[in-house]
Amino acid sequence: MRQGRLEIAGAVLEAAAAYPNRASTRIMDSTGTAYRLLFLILDAGLVEYVGGRKRWSNRLKLTNKGRDFLRHYRVLEELFPK
């Protein structure tokens, strides 16, 4: 089944919350997400880059807005299970 943008954002934010010291490339690989979708999540202010000089060494950090989104997303998953 094809995932929508909300499901993809939820998966990326879950991974960023679960593995705060993991590089952004590893998070994108583990969730099967393209970088163009990561840029949408970054532009929305849900995560921000923290860390090294090179993009592959950067870490994704949840913002307050990202934490709020993730909290609401988890509630919606409970209300509407797959």
Protein backbone atom coordinates (compact mmCIF):
# COMPACT_ATOMS: atom_id res chain seq x y z
CA MET A 1 0.00 0.00 0.00
CA ARG A 2 1.26 3.44 -0.89
CA GLN A 3 2.02 5.78 1.99
CA GLY A 4 0.91 9.38 2.01
CA ARG A 5 2.92 12.35 3.17
CA LEU A 6 1.55 12.13 6.71
CA GLU A 7 2.61 8.51 7.09
CA ILE A 8 6.05 9.27 5.69
CA ALA A 9 6.47 12.28 7.98
CA GLY A 10 5.34 10.17 10.91
CA ALA A 11 7.86 7.44 10.08
CA VAL A 12 10.74 9.91 9.75
CA LEU A 13 9.82 11.68 12.99
CA GLU A 14 9.46 8.36 14.83
CA ALA A 15 12.92 7.33 13.62
CA ALA A 16 14.43 10.71 14.52
CA ALA A 17 12.92 10.47 18.00
CA ALA A 18 14.01 6.86 18.51
CA TYR A 19 17.57 7.37 17.22
CA PRO A 20 18.64 10.97 17.96
CA ASN A 21 22.33 10.30 17.20
CA ARG A 22 21.73 8.63 13.85
CA ALA A 23 22.75 10.44 10.66
CA SER A 24 19.99 11.76 8.44
CA THR A 25 21.04 9.45 5.59
CA ARG A 26 20.59 6.41 7.85
CA ILE A 27 17.13 7.60 8.92
CA MET A 28 16.10 8.15 5.32
CA ASP A 29 17.38 4.69 4.32
CA SER A 30 15.67 2.94 7.23
CA THR A 31 12.32 4.58 6.46
CA GLY A 32 12.67 4.22 2.69
CA THR A 33 12.11 7.92 2.16
CA ALA A 34 13.49 10.09 -0.61
CA TYR A 35 15.42 13.22 0.29
CA ARG A 36 12.93 15.43 -1.53
CA LEU A 37 10.38 14.46 1.14
CA LEU A 38 12.90 15.19 3.89
CA PHE A 39 13.21 18.71 2.54
CA LEU A 40 9.42 19.13 2.86
CA ILE A 41 9.65 18.03 6.50
CA LEU A 42 12.56 20.43 7.07
CA ASP A 43 10.70 23.31 5.39
CA ALA A 44 7.66 22.61 7.58
CA GLY A 45 9.86 23.10 10.64
CA LEU A 46 9.28 19.61 12.05
CA VAL A 47 12.99 18.74 12.20
CA GLU A 48 16.25 20.61 11.91
CA TYR A 49 19.81 19.66 11.06
CA VAL A 50 22.31 19.54 13.91
CA GLY A 51 25.92 18.53 13.70
CA GLY A 52 28.73 18.16 11.24
CA ARG A 53 29.86 20.18 8.30
CA LYS A 54 28.85 17.67 5.67
CA ARG A 55 25.23 16.77 4.98
CA TRP A 56 25.81 13.02 5.51
CA SER A 57 27.18 13.66 9.01
CA ASN A 58 24.27 15.86 10.09
CA ARG A 59 21.79 14.61 12.62
CA LEU A 60 18.07 15.27 12.56
CA LYS A 61 16.67 16.89 15.68
CA LEU A 62 12.96 17.15 16.40
CA THR A 63 11.68 20.66 16.95
CA ASN A 64 8.84 21.49 19.32
CA LYS A 65 6.54 21.61 16.32
CA GLY A 66 7.78 18.14 15.31
CA ARG A 67 7.11 16.76 18.78
CA ASP A 68 3.58 18.16 18.67
CA PHE A 69 3.02 16.64 15.24
CA LEU A 70 4.32 13.27 16.41
CA ARG A 71 2.11 13.31 19.51
CA HIS A 72 -0.99 14.07 17.42
CA TYR A 73 0.05 11.53 14.79
CA ARG A 74 0.26 8.78 17.42
CA VAL A 75 -3.23 9.63 18.67
CA LEU A 76 -4.58 9.44 15.12
CA GLU A 77 -2.92 6.06 14.62
CA GLU A 78 -4.71 4.78 17.72
CA LEU A 79 -8.06 6.15 16.55
CA PHE A 80 -7.70 4.84 13.00
CA PRO A 81 -5.60 1.65 13.04
CA LYS A 82 -4.44 0.22 9.73
